Amino acid sequence: MSVIIMLLCASLAVALFFLVAFIWSVKDGQYDDDYSPAHRILFDDKTSKE
């Protein structure tokens, strides 16, 4: 029975770690631009005239 409690505590700690990491990445702006990365490859880069 004590092994189940230890595993439950460990799994909750890992889940809490991933939740905190996700919230931190959202607040840091990791997911702000969801349009241009997927479509950036379709457009040519503007070259400068020399």
PDB file of N, CA and C in Angstrom:
ATOM      1  N   MET A   1       0.819  -1.195   0.000  1.00  0.00           N
ATOM      2  CA  MET A   1       0.000   0.000   0.000  1.00  0.00           C
ATOM      3  C   MET A   1       0.862   1.258   0.000  1.00  0.00           C
ATOM      4  N   SER A   2       1.993   1.206   0.681  1.00  0.00           N
ATOM      5  CA  SER A   2       2.855   2.386   0.736  1.00  0.00           C
ATOM      6  C   SER A   2       3.500   2.665  -0.618  1.00  0.00           C
ATOM      7  N   VAL A   3       3.693   1.630  -1.432  1.00  0.00           N
ATOM      8  CA  VAL A   3       4.266   1.833  -2.763  1.00  0.00           C
ATOM      9  C   VAL A   3       3.285   2.597  -3.644  1.00  0.00           C
ATOM     10  N   ILE A   4       2.009   2.306  -3.517  1.00  0.00           N
ATOM     11  CA  ILE A   4       0.996   3.013  -4.295  1.00  0.00           C
ATOM     12  C   ILE A   4       0.969   4.486  -3.921  1.00  0.00           C
ATOM     13  N   ILE A   5       1.086   4.787  -2.651  1.00  0.00           N
ATOM     14  CA  ILE A   5       1.090   6.176  -2.202  1.00  0.00           C
ATOM     15  C   ILE A   5       2.338   6.895  -2.702  1.00  0.00           C
ATOM     16  N   MET A   6       3.488   6.222  -2.671  1.00  0.00           N
ATOM     17  CA  MET A   6       4.712   6.838  -3.182  1.00  0.00           C
ATOM     18  C   MET A   6       4.614   7.088  -4.685  1.00  0.00           C
ATOM     19  N   LEU A   7       4.082   6.156  -5.434  1.00  0.00           N
ATOM     20  CA  LEU A   7       3.923   6.340  -6.873  1.00  0.00           C
ATOM     21  C   LEU A   7       2.901   7.434  -7.191  1.00  0.00           C
ATOM     22  N   LEU A   8       1.861   7.507  -6.414  1.00  0.00           N
ATOM     23  CA  LEU A   8       0.869   8.563  -6.597  1.00  0.00           C
ATOM     24  C   LEU A   8       1.490   9.933  -6.350  1.00  0.00           C
ATOM     25  N   CYS A   9       2.268  10.059  -5.310  1.00  0.00           N
ATOM     26  CA  CYS A   9       2.946  11.327  -5.014  1.00  0.00           C
ATOM     27  C   CYS A   9       3.947  11.679  -6.107  1.00  0.00           C
ATOM     28  N   ALA A  10       4.680  10.702  -6.603  1.00  0.00           N
ATOM     29  CA  ALA A  10       5.650  10.952  -7.667  1.00  0.00           C
ATOM     30  C   ALA A  10       4.949  11.374  -8.951  1.00  0.00           C
ATOM     31  N   SER A  11       3.852  10.722  -9.290  1.00  0.00           N
ATOM     32  CA  SER A  11       3.145  11.085 -10.513  1.00  0.00           C
ATOM     33  C   SER A  11       2.502  12.463 -10.399  1.00  0.00           C
ATOM     34  N   LEU A  12       2.010  12.817  -9.239  1.00  0.00           N
ATOM     35  CA  LEU A  12       1.464  14.157  -9.038  1.00  0.00           C
ATOM     36  C   LEU A  12       2.553  15.215  -9.120  1.00  0.00           C
ATOM     37  N   ALA A  13       3.737  14.909  -8.618  1.00  0.00           N
ATOM     38  CA  ALA A  13       4.855  15.852  -8.697  1.00  0.00           C
ATOM     39  C   ALA A  13       5.282  16.073 -10.147  1.00  0.00           C
ATOM     40  N   VAL A  14       5.331  15.014 -10.930  1.00  0.00           N
ATOM     41  CA  VAL A  14       5.689  15.144 -12.346  1.00  0.00           C
ATOM     42  C   VAL A  14       4.612  15.921 -13.096  1.00  0.00           C
ATOM     43  N   ALA A  15       3.358  15.631 -12.821  1.00  0.00           N
ATOM     44  CA  ALA A  15       2.262  16.350 -13.469  1.00  0.00           C
ATOM     45  C   ALA A  15       2.288  17.832 -13.093  1.00  0.00           C
ATOM     46  N   LEU A  16       2.564  18.138 -11.855  1.00  0.00           N
ATOM     47  CA  LEU A  16       2.658  19.534 -11.417  1.00  0.00           C
ATOM     48  C   LEU A  16       3.826  20.233 -12.097  1.00  0.00           C
ATOM     49  N   PHE A  17       4.942  19.534 -12.249  1.00  0.00           N
ATOM     50  CA  PHE A  17       6.098  20.114 -12.944  1.00  0.00           C
ATOM     51  C   PHE A  17       5.742  20.474 -14.378  1.00  0.00           C
ATOM     52  N   PHE A  18       5.069  19.573 -15.100  1.00  0.00           N
ATOM     53  CA  PHE A  18       4.696  19.857 -16.479  1.00  0.00           C
ATOM     54  C   PHE A  18       3.642  20.952 -16.567  1.00  0.00           C
ATOM     55  N   LEU A  19       2.754  21.028 -15.609  1.00  0.00           N
ATOM     56  CA  LEU A  19       1.765  22.103 -15.597  1.00  0.00           C
ATOM     57  C   LEU A  19       2.435  23.456 -15.392  1.00  0.00           C
ATOM     58  N   VAL A  20       3.372  23.525 -14.473  1.00  0.00           N
ATOM     59  CA  VAL A  20       4.100  24.774 -14.228  1.00  0.00           C
ATOM     60  C   VAL A  20       4.926  25.155 -15.450  1.00  0.00           C
ATOM     61  N   ALA A  21       5.567  24.185 -16.094  1.00  0.00           N
ATOM     62  CA  ALA A  21       6.351  24.470 -17.296  1.00  0.00           C
ATOM     63  C   ALA A  21       5.452  24.973 -18.428  1.00  0.00           C
ATOM     64  N   PHE A  22       4.259  24.409 -18.569  1.00  0.00           N
ATOM     65  CA  PHE A  22       3.330  24.859 -19.599  1.00  0.00           C
ATOM     66  C   PHE A  22       2.843  26.274 -19.326  1.00  0.00           C
ATOM     67  N   ILE A  23       2.469  26.557 -18.088  1.00  0.00           N
ATOM     68  CA  ILE A  23       2.009  27.901 -17.741  1.00  0.00           C
ATOM     69  C   ILE A  23       3.128  28.920 -17.931  1.00  0.00           C
ATOM     70  N   TRP A  24       4.342  28.545 -17.580  1.00  0.00           N
ATOM     71  CA  TRP A  24       5.485  29.429 -17.749  1.00  0.00           C
ATOM     72  C   TRP A  24       5.720  29.727 -19.231  1.00  0.00           C
ATOM     73  N   SER A  25       5.612  28.728 -20.086  1.00  0.00           N
ATOM     74  CA  SER A  25       5.832  28.948 -21.511  1.00  0.00           C
ATOM     75  C   SER A  25       4.723  29.791 -22.124  1.00  0.00           C
ATOM     76  N   VAL A  26       3.500  29.643 -21.647  1.00  0.00           N
ATOM     77  CA  VAL A  26       2.404  30.467 -22.155  1.00  0.00           C
ATOM     78  C   VAL A  26       2.600  31.917 -21.737  1.00  0.00           C
ATOM     79  N   LYS A  27       2.976  32.145 -20.494  1.00  0.00           N
ATOM     80  CA  LYS A  27       3.196  33.517 -20.021  1.00  0.00           C
ATOM     81  C   LYS A  27       4.420  34.151 -20.669  1.00  0.00           C
ATOM     82  N   ASP A  28       5.381  33.322 -21.087  1.00  0.00           N
ATOM     83  CA  ASP A  28       6.600  33.829 -21.713  1.00  0.00           C
ATOM     84  C   ASP A  28       6.375  34.162 -23.185  1.00  0.00           C
ATOM     85  N   GLY A  29       5.221  33.806 -23.729  1.00  0.00           N
ATOM     86  CA  GLY A  29       4.889  34.142 -25.106  1.00  0.00           C
ATOM     87  C   GLY A  29       5.330  33.109 -26.114  1.00  0.00           C
ATOM     88  N   GLN A  30       5.505  31.894 -25.704  1.00  0.00           N
ATOM     89  CA  GLN A  30       5.967  30.845 -26.598  1.00  0.00           C
ATOM     90  C   GLN A  30       4.944  30.525 -27.687  1.00  0.00           C
ATOM     91  N   TYR A  31       3.667  30.677 -27.396  1.00  0.00           N
ATOM     92  CA  TYR A  31       2.612  30.283 -28.320  1.00  0.00           C
ATOM     93  C   TYR A  31       1.868  31.479 -28.906  1.00  0.00           C
ATOM     94  N   ASP A  32       2.470  32.654 -28.907  1.00  0.00           N
ATOM     95  CA  ASP A  32       1.781  33.848 -29.386  1.00  0.00           C
ATOM     96  C   ASP A  32       1.562  33.838 -30.890  1.00  0.00           C
ATOM     97  N   ASP A  33       2.577  33.491 -31.659  1.00  0.00           N
ATOM     98  CA  ASP A  33       2.483  33.563 -33.116  1.00  0.00           C
ATOM     99  C   ASP A  33       2.187  32.185 -33.670  1.00  0.00           C
ATOM    100  N   ASP A  34       0.936  31.929 -33.973  1.00  0.00           N
ATOM    101  CA  ASP A  34       0.573  30.604 -34.470  1.00  0.00           C
ATOM    102  C   ASP A  34       0.280  30.594 -35.967  1.00  0.00           C
ATOM    103  N   TYR A  35       0.435  31.729 -36.642  1.00  0.00           N
ATOM    104  CA  TYR A  35       0.142  31.767 -38.074  1.00  0.00           C
ATOM    105  C   TYR A  35       1.407  31.701 -38.915  1.00  0.00           C
ATOM    106  N   SER A  36       2.352  32.566 -38.649  1.00  0.00           N
ATOM    107  CA  SER A  36       3.456  32.723 -39.584  1.00  0.00           C
ATOM    108  C   SER A  36       4.454  31.568 -39.638  1.00  0.00           C
ATOM    109  N   PRO A  37       4.762  30.850 -38.574  1.00  0.00           N
ATOM    110  CA  PRO A  37       5.748  29.778 -38.732  1.00  0.00           C
ATOM    111  C   PRO A  37       5.334  28.704 -39.734  1.00  0.00           C
ATOM    112  N   ALA A  38       4.072  28.398 -39.816  1.00  0.00           N
ATOM    113  CA  ALA A  38       3.630  27.364 -40.744  1.00  0.00           C
ATOM    114  C   ALA A  38       3.586  27.878 -42.182  1.00  0.00           C
ATOM    115  N   HIS A  39       3.402  29.169 -42.363  1.00  0.00           N
ATOM    116  CA  HIS A  39       3.240  29.723 -43.704  1.00  0.00           C
ATOM    117  C   HIS A  39       4.458  30.492 -44.183  1.00  0.00           C
ATOM    118  N   ARG A  40       5.449  30.664 -43.331  1.00  0.00           N
ATOM    119  CA  ARG A  40       6.632  31.443 -43.696  1.00  0.00           C
ATOM    120  C   ARG A  40       7.407  30.778 -44.835  1.00  0.00           C
ATOM    121  N   ILE A  41       7.393  29.465 -44.916  1.00  0.00           N
ATOM    122  CA  ILE A  41       8.146  28.760 -45.943  1.00  0.00           C
ATOM    123  C   ILE A  41       7.536  28.961 -47.331  1.00  0.00           C
ATOM    124  N   LEU A  42       6.276  29.336 -47.392  1.00  0.00           N
ATOM    125  CA  LEU A  42       5.601  29.497 -48.682  1.00  0.00           C
ATOM    126  C   LEU A  42       5.964  30.800 -49.397  1.00  0.00           C
ATOM    127  N   PHE A  43       6.490  31.774 -48.665  1.00  0.00           N
ATOM    128  CA  PHE A  43       6.760  33.078 -49.235  1.00  0.00           C
ATOM    129  C   PHE A  43       8.253  33.265 -49.437  1.00  0.00           C
ATOM    130  N   ASP A  44       8.608  33.958 -50.520  1.00  0.00           N
ATOM    131  CA  ASP A  44      10.012  34.250 -50.797  1.00  0.00           C
ATOM    132  C   ASP A  44      10.512  35.345 -49.854  1.00  0.00           C
ATOM    133  N   ASP A  45      11.779  35.243 -49.517  1.00  0.00           N
ATOM    134  CA  ASP A  45      12.389  36.312 -48.730  1.00  0.00           C
ATOM    135  C   ASP A  45      12.629  37.504 -49.633  1.00  0.00           C
ATOM    136  N   LYS A  46      12.480  38.679 -49.071  1.00  0.00           N
ATOM    137  CA  LYS A  46      12.737  39.879 -49.842  1.00  0.00           C
ATOM    138  C   LYS A  46      14.245  40.111 -49.864  1.00  0.00           C
ATOM    139  N   THR A  47      14.787  40.173 -51.076  1.00  0.00           N
ATOM    140  CA  THR A  47      16.226  40.391 -51.191  1.00  0.00           C
ATOM    141  C   THR A  47      16.505  41.872 -51.333  1.00  0.00           C
ATOM    142  N   SER A  48      17.590  42.295 -50.779  1.00  0.00           N
ATOM    143  CA  SER A  48      17.956  43.700 -50.871  1.00  0.00           C
ATOM    144  C   SER A  48      18.700  43.940 -52.177  1.00  0.00           C
ATOM    145  N   LYS A  49      18.428  45.077 -52.822  1.00  0.00           N
ATOM    146  CA  LYS A  49      19.089  45.418 -54.072  1.00  0.00           C
ATOM    147  C   LYS A  49      20.423  46.061 -53.765  1.00  0.00           C
ATOM    148  N   GLU A  50      21.452  45.515 -54.344  1.00  0.00           N
ATOM    149  CA  GLU A  50      22.789  46.035 -54.069  1.00  0.00           C
ATOM    150  C   GLU A  50      23.333  46.764 -55.264  1.00  0.00           C
TER     151      GLU A  50
END
